[in-house]
């Protein structure tokens, strides 16, 4: 894939993630089962890394240290926009990064602020991401689906792309 295509697709992924903000992070447990939980995305950087503030003492932190392969899924059903990210997770305990990602809302989870000893950073290095983005509302989508069913033509699902890092 050409660099321009990667940049376009990564920018599209960033645009969708920025509009949704909260993704479902899926980790693997020791027994092989998967567990998902909502995570507030702080940033998707130009190198293809997702950044989250998280609790050092959480089960997910322990799980991803043993099994760093994760998925982060984003969905906005009203806008018909979706992203699925496959990546490698790691804990980054860097005060400068914490400060860069910090927002006043984070204080609800970390009452001691940036000095909270439980505060750490979760980085997900994207291996690949896939997105679906329909420019139409749900009502317009329903019309196009009905039209496709009547005419026998395939429904146009909107923009779809993949980026591999």
N, C-alpha and C. Protein backbone atom coordinates (compact mmCIF):
# COMPACT_ATOMS: atom_id res chain seq x y z
N UNK A 1 0.85 -1.18 0.00
CA UNK A 1 0.00 0.00 0.00
C UNK A 1 0.89 1.24 0.00
N UNK A 2 0.55 2.20 -0.82
CA UNK A 2 1.33 3.42 -0.92
C UNK A 2 1.17 4.28 0.33
N UNK A 3 2.18 5.10 0.58
CA UNK A 3 2.20 5.98 1.74
C UNK A 3 0.99 6.92 1.76
N UNK A 4 0.60 7.44 0.58
CA UNK A 4 -0.55 8.36 0.53
C UNK A 4 -1.84 7.64 0.93
N UNK A 5 -1.97 6.37 0.50
CA UNK A 5 -3.16 5.60 0.85
C UNK A 5 -3.20 5.32 2.34
N UNK A 6 -2.03 4.97 2.92
CA UNK A 6 -1.97 4.74 4.36
C UNK A 6 -2.37 6.01 5.11
N UNK A 7 -1.81 7.15 4.69
CA UNK A 7 -2.13 8.42 5.35
C UNK A 7 -3.61 8.75 5.23
N UNK A 8 -4.20 8.55 4.03
CA UNK A 8 -5.63 8.83 3.84
C UNK A 8 -6.46 7.95 4.76
N UNK A 9 -6.16 6.64 4.74
CA UNK A 9 -6.95 5.71 5.55
C UNK A 9 -6.73 5.95 7.04
N UNK A 10 -5.51 6.23 7.47
CA UNK A 10 -5.25 6.52 8.88
C UNK A 10 -5.95 7.81 9.29
N UNK A 11 -5.97 8.80 8.42
CA UNK A 11 -6.69 10.05 8.72
C UNK A 11 -8.18 9.79 8.84
N UNK A 12 -8.73 8.91 7.99
CA UNK A 12 -10.15 8.57 8.05
C UNK A 12 -10.45 7.85 9.36
N UNK A 13 -9.58 6.90 9.75
CA UNK A 13 -9.73 6.20 11.02
C UNK A 13 -9.71 7.20 12.17
N UNK A 14 -8.76 8.13 12.13
CA UNK A 14 -8.64 9.16 13.18
C UNK A 14 -9.90 10.02 13.25
N UNK A 15 -10.41 10.42 12.10
CA UNK A 15 -11.62 11.24 12.05
C UNK A 15 -12.80 10.53 12.72
N UNK A 16 -12.96 9.25 12.42
CA UNK A 16 -14.07 8.50 13.02
C UNK A 16 -13.85 8.31 14.52
N UNK A 17 -12.64 7.90 14.91
CA UNK A 17 -12.36 7.69 16.33
C UNK A 17 -12.53 8.98 17.12
N UNK A 18 -12.05 10.10 16.58
CA UNK A 18 -12.20 11.39 17.26
C UNK A 18 -13.67 11.74 17.48
N UNK A 19 -14.53 11.37 16.53
CA UNK A 19 -15.95 11.71 16.66
C UNK A 19 -16.66 10.77 17.64
N UNK A 20 -16.17 9.54 17.78
CA UNK A 20 -16.82 8.57 18.68
C UNK A 20 -16.23 8.66 20.09
N UNK A 21 -14.92 8.79 20.20
CA UNK A 21 -14.16 8.96 21.44
C UNK A 21 -14.01 7.70 22.29
N UNK A 22 -15.08 6.97 22.55
CA UNK A 22 -15.01 5.80 23.44
C UNK A 22 -15.02 4.53 22.61
N UNK A 23 -14.01 3.70 22.83
CA UNK A 23 -13.94 2.42 22.14
C UNK A 23 -14.05 1.29 23.13
N UNK A 24 -14.40 0.12 22.62
CA UNK A 24 -14.44 -1.09 23.45
C UNK A 24 -13.12 -1.83 23.27
N UNK A 25 -12.31 -1.82 24.32
CA UNK A 25 -11.02 -2.50 24.33
C UNK A 25 -11.24 -3.96 24.71
N UNK A 26 -10.77 -4.87 23.86
CA UNK A 26 -10.90 -6.30 24.13
C UNK A 26 -9.54 -6.89 24.38
N UNK A 27 -9.41 -7.54 25.55
CA UNK A 27 -8.18 -8.23 25.94
C UNK A 27 -8.48 -9.71 26.08
N UNK A 28 -7.42 -10.51 26.16
CA UNK A 28 -7.58 -11.95 26.39
C UNK A 28 -7.20 -12.27 27.82
N UNK A 29 -8.03 -13.08 28.46
CA UNK A 29 -7.77 -13.52 29.82
C UNK A 29 -6.92 -14.79 29.78
N UNK A 30 -6.42 -15.21 30.94
CA UNK A 30 -5.57 -16.40 31.03
C UNK A 30 -6.24 -17.67 30.51
N UNK A 31 -7.57 -17.76 30.67
CA UNK A 31 -8.28 -18.96 30.21
C UNK A 31 -8.62 -18.91 28.72
N UNK A 32 -8.17 -17.86 28.03
CA UNK A 32 -8.42 -17.73 26.59
C UNK A 32 -9.70 -16.98 26.25
N UNK A 33 -10.53 -16.72 27.24
CA UNK A 33 -11.74 -15.93 27.00
C UNK A 33 -11.36 -14.47 26.76
N UNK A 34 -12.22 -13.76 26.08
CA UNK A 34 -11.98 -12.35 25.79
C UNK A 34 -12.91 -11.50 26.64
N UNK A 35 -12.42 -10.33 27.00
CA UNK A 35 -13.21 -9.41 27.82
C UNK A 35 -13.09 -8.01 27.22
N UNK A 36 -14.23 -7.34 27.09
CA UNK A 36 -14.25 -5.98 26.54
C UNK A 36 -14.74 -5.01 27.58
N UNK A 37 -14.18 -3.80 27.49
CA UNK A 37 -14.63 -2.73 28.38
C UNK A 37 -14.43 -1.40 27.67
N UNK A 38 -15.29 -0.40 28.01
CA UNK A 38 -15.16 0.91 27.35
C UNK A 38 -13.93 1.67 27.82
N UNK A 39 -13.29 2.34 26.87
CA UNK A 39 -12.10 3.14 27.17
C UNK A 39 -12.21 4.47 26.42
N UNK A 40 -11.95 5.56 27.13
CA UNK A 40 -11.93 6.89 26.54
C UNK A 40 -10.62 7.08 25.79
N UNK A 41 -10.70 7.25 24.49
CA UNK A 41 -9.49 7.45 23.69
C UNK A 41 -8.98 8.87 23.91
N UNK A 42 -7.72 8.98 24.28
CA UNK A 42 -7.12 10.29 24.48
C UNK A 42 -6.56 10.85 23.18
N UNK A 43 -6.00 9.94 22.35
CA UNK A 43 -5.35 10.43 21.13
C UNK A 43 -5.04 9.25 20.21
N UNK A 44 -5.10 9.52 18.91
CA UNK A 44 -4.53 8.64 17.89
C UNK A 44 -3.46 9.48 17.21
N UNK A 45 -2.19 9.08 17.37
CA UNK A 45 -1.11 9.90 16.84
C UNK A 45 -0.78 9.55 15.38
N UNK A 46 0.09 10.33 14.77
CA UNK A 46 0.45 10.18 13.35
C UNK A 46 1.20 8.88 13.08
N UNK A 47 1.78 8.26 14.11
CA UNK A 47 2.51 7.00 13.93
C UNK A 47 1.59 5.79 14.03
N UNK A 48 0.29 6.03 14.28
CA UNK A 48 -0.65 4.92 14.38
C UNK A 48 -0.71 4.29 15.75
N UNK A 49 -0.59 5.10 16.80
CA UNK A 49 -0.71 4.62 18.17
C UNK A 49 -1.94 5.24 18.81
N UNK A 50 -2.74 4.39 19.46
CA UNK A 50 -3.86 4.86 20.27
C UNK A 50 -3.36 5.01 21.70
N UNK A 51 -3.80 6.07 22.38
CA UNK A 51 -3.35 6.36 23.74
C UNK A 51 -4.56 6.48 24.66
N UNK A 52 -4.44 5.84 25.83
CA UNK A 52 -5.49 5.86 26.84
C UNK A 52 -4.86 6.07 28.22
N UNK A 53 -5.58 6.75 29.09
CA UNK A 53 -5.20 6.78 30.51
C UNK A 53 -5.89 5.59 31.16
N UNK A 54 -5.19 4.91 32.05
CA UNK A 54 -5.78 3.74 32.68
C UNK A 54 -5.22 3.55 34.08
N UNK A 55 -5.81 2.60 34.76
CA UNK A 55 -5.42 2.29 36.12
C UNK A 55 -4.38 1.18 36.13
N UNK A 56 -3.29 1.43 36.79
CA UNK A 56 -2.21 0.45 36.92
C UNK A 56 -2.71 -0.83 37.58
N UNK A 57 -3.67 -0.71 38.50
CA UNK A 57 -4.14 -1.87 39.27
C UNK A 57 -5.32 -2.60 38.62
N UNK A 58 -5.71 -2.23 37.42
CA UNK A 58 -6.88 -2.85 36.79
C UNK A 58 -6.54 -4.24 36.23
N UNK A 59 -7.58 -5.05 36.09
CA UNK A 59 -7.40 -6.39 35.51
C UNK A 59 -6.90 -6.32 34.08
N UNK A 60 -7.36 -5.31 33.33
CA UNK A 60 -6.93 -5.22 31.92
C UNK A 60 -5.43 -5.00 31.81
N UNK A 61 -4.87 -4.23 32.74
CA UNK A 61 -3.43 -3.97 32.73
C UNK A 61 -2.67 -5.28 32.92
N UNK A 62 -3.13 -6.08 33.84
CA UNK A 62 -2.52 -7.38 34.10
C UNK A 62 -2.69 -8.31 32.89
N UNK A 63 -3.89 -8.31 32.30
CA UNK A 63 -4.16 -9.17 31.14
C UNK A 63 -3.28 -8.83 29.95
N UNK A 64 -3.14 -7.55 29.67
CA UNK A 64 -2.40 -7.20 28.46
C UNK A 64 -0.89 -7.34 28.63
N UNK A 65 -0.42 -7.40 29.84
CA UNK A 65 1.00 -7.69 30.04
C UNK A 65 1.31 -9.14 29.67
N UNK A 66 0.34 -10.03 29.88
CA UNK A 66 0.51 -11.44 29.51
C UNK A 66 0.13 -11.69 28.05
N UNK A 67 -0.88 -10.98 27.59
CA UNK A 67 -1.42 -11.17 26.23
C UNK A 67 -1.61 -9.78 25.60
N UNK A 68 -0.57 -9.23 24.98
CA UNK A 68 -0.62 -7.85 24.50
C UNK A 68 -1.47 -7.62 23.24
N UNK A 69 -1.87 -8.68 22.56
CA UNK A 69 -2.72 -8.50 21.38
C UNK A 69 -4.12 -8.08 21.78
N UNK A 70 -4.59 -6.95 21.25
CA UNK A 70 -5.89 -6.41 21.62
C UNK A 70 -6.68 -6.00 20.37
N UNK A 71 -7.95 -5.78 20.59
CA UNK A 71 -8.82 -5.16 19.59
C UNK A 71 -9.51 -3.99 20.28
N UNK A 72 -9.66 -2.90 19.53
CA UNK A 72 -10.45 -1.76 20.01
C UNK A 72 -11.49 -1.49 18.93
N UNK A 73 -12.76 -1.55 19.31
CA UNK A 73 -13.86 -1.36 18.35
C UNK A 73 -14.63 -0.08 18.71
N UNK A 74 -14.96 0.67 17.67
CA UNK A 74 -15.70 1.92 17.82
C UNK A 74 -16.96 1.83 16.96
N UNK A 75 -18.09 2.33 17.47
CA UNK A 75 -19.33 2.30 16.71
C UNK A 75 -20.17 3.54 17.00
N UNK A 76 -20.64 4.16 15.94
CA UNK A 76 -21.62 5.25 16.03
C UNK A 76 -22.75 4.87 15.10
N UNK A 77 -23.79 4.24 15.65
CA UNK A 77 -24.87 3.75 14.80
C UNK A 77 -25.68 4.88 14.18
N UNK A 78 -25.77 6.02 14.85
CA UNK A 78 -26.49 7.16 14.27
C UNK A 78 -25.82 7.65 12.99
N UNK A 79 -24.49 7.73 13.01
CA UNK A 79 -23.74 8.21 11.85
C UNK A 79 -23.35 7.07 10.91
N UNK A 80 -23.63 5.83 11.32
CA UNK A 80 -23.25 4.66 10.53
C UNK A 80 -21.74 4.64 10.27
N UNK A 81 -20.96 4.91 11.35
CA UNK A 81 -19.50 4.91 11.28
C UNK A 81 -18.95 3.88 12.26
N UNK A 82 -17.98 3.09 11.77
CA UNK A 82 -17.43 2.01 12.58
C UNK A 82 -15.94 1.87 12.32
N UNK A 83 -15.19 1.49 13.36
CA UNK A 83 -13.76 1.22 13.22
C UNK A 83 -13.43 0.00 14.07
N UNK A 84 -12.58 -0.88 13.54
CA UNK A 84 -12.04 -2.00 14.28
C UNK A 84 -10.51 -1.94 14.18
N UNK A 85 -9.85 -1.92 15.32
CA UNK A 85 -8.39 -1.81 15.39
C UNK A 85 -7.82 -3.08 15.99
N UNK A 86 -6.80 -3.64 15.36
CA UNK A 86 -6.02 -4.75 15.91
C UNK A 86 -4.65 -4.19 16.22
N UNK A 87 -4.17 -4.44 17.45
CA UNK A 87 -2.88 -3.88 17.80
C UNK A 87 -2.21 -4.59 18.96
N UNK A 88 -1.03 -4.08 19.28
CA UNK A 88 -0.23 -4.56 20.40
C UNK A 88 -0.27 -3.51 21.50
N UNK A 89 -0.66 -3.93 22.70
CA UNK A 89 -0.79 -3.00 23.82
C UNK A 89 0.44 -3.06 24.71
N UNK A 90 0.75 -1.93 25.30
CA UNK A 90 1.83 -1.86 26.28
C UNK A 90 1.52 -0.74 27.28
N UNK A 91 2.13 -0.86 28.45
CA UNK A 91 2.00 0.17 29.48
C UNK A 91 3.19 1.10 29.35
N UNK A 92 2.91 2.40 29.32
CA UNK A 92 3.95 3.42 29.21
C UNK A 92 3.81 4.32 30.43
N UNK A 93 4.79 4.28 31.29
CA UNK A 93 4.71 5.06 32.52
C UNK A 93 5.64 6.27 32.42
N UNK A 94 5.23 7.22 31.61
CA UNK A 94 6.04 8.40 31.32
C UNK A 94 5.28 9.65 31.78
N UNK A 95 5.81 10.39 32.75
CA UNK A 95 5.12 11.59 33.26
C UNK A 95 4.79 12.61 32.17
N UNK A 96 5.66 12.77 31.18
CA UNK A 96 5.40 13.74 30.12
C UNK A 96 4.21 13.32 29.26
N UNK A 97 4.09 12.03 28.99
CA UNK A 97 2.95 11.54 28.20
C UNK A 97 1.67 11.66 29.01
N UNK A 98 1.72 11.33 30.30
CA UNK A 98 0.55 11.49 31.17
C UNK A 98 0.06 12.93 31.12
N UNK A 99 1.00 13.86 31.23
CA UNK A 99 0.64 15.28 31.23
C UNK A 99 0.02 15.68 29.89
N UNK A 100 0.58 15.18 28.79
CA UNK A 100 0.07 15.49 27.46
C UNK A 100 -1.35 14.96 27.27
N UNK A 101 -1.65 13.79 27.83
CA UNK A 101 -2.96 13.17 27.65
C UNK A 101 -3.99 13.61 28.68
N UNK A 102 -3.54 14.23 29.74
CA UNK A 102 -4.43 14.58 30.86
C UNK A 102 -5.49 15.57 30.44
N UNK A 103 -6.70 15.37 30.98
CA UNK A 103 -7.79 16.34 30.82
C UNK A 103 -8.52 16.43 32.16
N UNK A 104 -9.22 17.52 32.41
CA UNK A 104 -9.93 17.65 33.69
C UNK A 104 -10.92 16.51 33.95
N UNK A 105 -11.49 15.93 32.90
CA UNK A 105 -12.45 14.83 33.06
C UNK A 105 -11.77 13.61 33.69
N UNK A 106 -10.49 13.40 33.42
CA UNK A 106 -9.77 12.24 33.94
C UNK A 106 -9.73 12.25 35.47
N UNK A 107 -9.92 13.40 36.06
CA UNK A 107 -9.87 13.50 37.53
C UNK A 107 -11.01 12.70 38.18
N UNK A 108 -12.06 12.42 37.44
CA UNK A 108 -13.15 11.59 37.97
C UNK A 108 -12.66 10.17 38.27
N UNK A 109 -11.69 9.69 37.52
CA UNK A 109 -11.14 8.35 37.71
C UNK A 109 -9.84 8.38 38.53
N UNK A 110 -9.17 9.51 38.45
CA UNK A 110 -7.88 9.65 39.14
C UNK A 110 -7.92 10.93 39.98
N UNK A 111 -8.57 10.85 41.16
CA UNK A 111 -8.80 12.05 41.98
C UNK A 111 -7.54 12.78 42.43
N UNK A 112 -6.41 12.09 42.45
CA UNK A 112 -5.16 12.74 42.87
C UNK A 112 -4.46 13.40 41.68
N UNK A 113 -5.13 13.41 40.52
CA UNK A 113 -4.58 14.07 39.34
C UNK A 113 -3.37 13.33 38.78
N UNK A 114 -2.50 14.10 38.19
CA UNK A 114 -1.31 13.54 37.55
C UNK A 114 -0.39 12.82 38.54
N UNK A 115 -0.52 13.16 39.81
CA UNK A 115 0.31 12.53 40.85
C UNK A 115 -0.29 11.24 41.37
N UNK A 116 -1.46 10.86 40.88
CA UNK A 116 -2.12 9.64 41.35
C UNK A 116 -1.21 8.44 41.05
N UNK A 117 -0.82 7.67 42.06
CA UNK A 117 0.09 6.54 41.83
C UNK A 117 -0.52 5.42 40.99
N UNK A 118 -1.85 5.41 40.88
CA UNK A 118 -2.51 4.36 40.08
C UNK A 118 -2.62 4.75 38.61
N UNK A 119 -2.33 5.99 38.27
CA UNK A 119 -2.44 6.47 36.90
C UNK A 119 -1.27 5.97 36.04
N UNK A 120 -1.61 5.37 34.91
CA UNK A 120 -0.59 5.00 33.94
C UNK A 120 -1.19 5.17 32.55
N UNK A 121 -0.40 4.88 31.53
CA UNK A 121 -0.82 5.09 30.14
C UNK A 121 -0.82 3.76 29.41
N UNK A 122 -1.88 3.54 28.66
CA UNK A 122 -1.99 2.37 27.80
C UNK A 122 -1.80 2.83 26.36
N UNK A 123 -0.83 2.21 25.70
CA UNK A 123 -0.54 2.51 24.29
C UNK A 123 -0.92 1.28 23.47
N UNK A 124 -1.67 1.50 22.40
CA UNK A 124 -1.98 0.43 21.46
C UNK A 124 -1.35 0.80 20.13
N UNK A 125 -0.33 0.05 19.75
CA UNK A 125 0.32 0.25 18.45
C UNK A 125 -0.51 -0.49 17.41
N UNK A 126 -1.10 0.28 16.51
CA UNK A 126 -1.99 -0.30 15.51
C UNK A 126 -1.20 -1.17 14.54
N UNK A 127 -1.66 -2.41 14.38
CA UNK A 127 -1.13 -3.30 13.35
C UNK A 127 -1.98 -3.16 12.09
N UNK A 128 -3.29 -3.13 12.30
CA UNK A 128 -4.21 -2.86 11.19
C UNK A 128 -5.51 -2.29 11.74
N UNK A 129 -6.15 -1.50 10.91
CA UNK A 129 -7.44 -0.91 11.27
C UNK A 129 -8.33 -0.98 10.04
N UNK A 130 -9.60 -1.19 10.30
CA UNK A 130 -10.58 -1.23 9.22
C UNK A 130 -11.72 -0.31 9.60
N UNK A 131 -12.24 0.42 8.62
CA UNK A 131 -13.33 1.35 8.90
C UNK A 131 -14.43 1.23 7.87
N UNK A 132 -15.63 1.60 8.33
CA UNK A 132 -16.80 1.68 7.48
C UNK A 132 -17.46 3.01 7.83
N UNK A 133 -17.77 3.79 6.81
CA UNK A 133 -18.35 5.11 7.05
C UNK A 133 -19.39 5.41 5.99
N UNK A 134 -20.63 5.45 6.40
CA UNK A 134 -21.70 5.76 5.46
C UNK A 134 -22.03 7.24 5.55
N UNK A 135 -22.11 7.91 4.41
CA UNK A 135 -22.43 9.33 4.45
C UNK A 135 -23.92 9.59 4.70
N UNK A 136 -24.70 8.56 4.83
CA UNK A 136 -26.15 8.72 4.92
C UNK A 136 -26.67 8.41 6.31
N UNK A 137 -27.84 8.95 6.60
CA UNK A 137 -28.51 8.67 7.86
C UNK A 137 -29.07 7.25 7.83
N UNK A 138 -29.53 6.79 8.98
CA UNK A 138 -30.13 5.47 9.07
C UNK A 138 -31.34 5.36 8.15
N UNK A 139 -32.14 6.42 8.06
CA UNK A 139 -33.33 6.42 7.22
C UNK A 139 -32.94 6.27 5.75
N UNK A 140 -31.93 7.00 5.31
CA UNK A 140 -31.47 6.90 3.92
C UNK A 140 -30.89 5.52 3.67
N UNK A 141 -30.15 4.98 4.64
CA UNK A 141 -29.61 3.62 4.51
C UNK A 141 -30.73 2.61 4.35
N UNK A 142 -31.80 2.75 5.14
CA UNK A 142 -32.94 1.83 5.04
C UNK A 142 -33.56 1.89 3.65
N UNK A 143 -33.67 3.10 3.08
CA UNK A 143 -34.19 3.26 1.73
C UNK A 143 -33.31 2.52 0.72
N UNK A 144 -31.97 2.70 0.83
CA UNK A 144 -31.05 2.05 -0.11
C UNK A 144 -31.09 0.53 0.02
N UNK A 145 -31.25 0.03 1.24
CA UNK A 145 -31.36 -1.41 1.44
C UNK A 145 -32.63 -1.93 0.80
N UNK A 146 -33.75 -1.21 1.03
CA UNK A 146 -35.02 -1.62 0.42
C UNK A 146 -34.92 -1.58 -1.10
N UNK A 147 -34.29 -0.54 -1.64
CA UNK A 147 -34.11 -0.42 -3.09
C UNK A 147 -33.29 -1.59 -3.63
N UNK A 148 -32.22 -1.94 -2.92
CA UNK A 148 -31.37 -3.06 -3.34
C UNK A 148 -32.15 -4.37 -3.33
N UNK A 149 -33.01 -4.54 -2.33
CA UNK A 149 -33.81 -5.76 -2.26
C UNK A 149 -34.81 -5.85 -3.41
N UNK A 150 -35.38 -4.71 -3.79
CA UNK A 150 -36.37 -4.68 -4.88
C UNK A 150 -35.70 -4.84 -6.24
N UNK A 151 -34.59 -4.14 -6.44
CA UNK A 151 -33.94 -4.15 -7.76
C UNK A 151 -32.99 -5.32 -7.94
N UNK A 152 -32.57 -5.94 -6.85
CA UNK A 152 -31.60 -7.03 -6.95
C UNK A 152 -30.16 -6.54 -7.08
N UNK A 153 -29.95 -5.22 -7.00
CA UNK A 153 -28.61 -4.66 -7.08
C UNK A 153 -28.00 -4.61 -5.67
N UNK A 154 -26.68 -4.69 -5.60
CA UNK A 154 -26.00 -4.67 -4.30
C UNK A 154 -26.10 -3.27 -3.69
N UNK A 155 -26.33 -3.24 -2.39
CA UNK A 155 -26.41 -1.99 -1.65
C UNK A 155 -25.03 -1.34 -1.55
N UNK A 156 -24.96 -0.03 -1.78
CA UNK A 156 -23.72 0.73 -1.60
C UNK A 156 -23.60 1.07 -0.13
N UNK A 157 -22.61 0.49 0.55
CA UNK A 157 -22.48 0.65 1.99
C UNK A 157 -21.72 1.91 2.40
N UNK A 158 -21.27 2.71 1.45
CA UNK A 158 -20.49 3.90 1.79
C UNK A 158 -19.01 3.61 1.69
N UNK A 159 -18.22 4.41 2.40
CA UNK A 159 -16.76 4.31 2.33
C UNK A 159 -16.25 3.21 3.25
N UNK A 160 -15.33 2.42 2.74
CA UNK A 160 -14.72 1.33 3.51
C UNK A 160 -13.23 1.31 3.19
N UNK A 161 -12.41 1.09 4.19
CA UNK A 161 -10.98 1.03 3.94
C UNK A 161 -10.26 0.29 5.04
N UNK A 162 -9.01 -0.08 4.73
CA UNK A 162 -8.14 -0.77 5.66
C UNK A 162 -6.79 -0.10 5.64
N UNK A 163 -6.15 -0.09 6.79
CA UNK A 163 -4.78 0.41 6.85
C UNK A 163 -3.96 -0.61 7.64
N UNK A 164 -2.83 -0.99 7.08
CA UNK A 164 -1.91 -1.90 7.76
C UNK A 164 -0.64 -1.12 8.03
N UNK A 165 -0.20 -1.15 9.26
CA UNK A 165 0.98 -0.37 9.66
C UNK A 165 2.23 -1.24 9.61
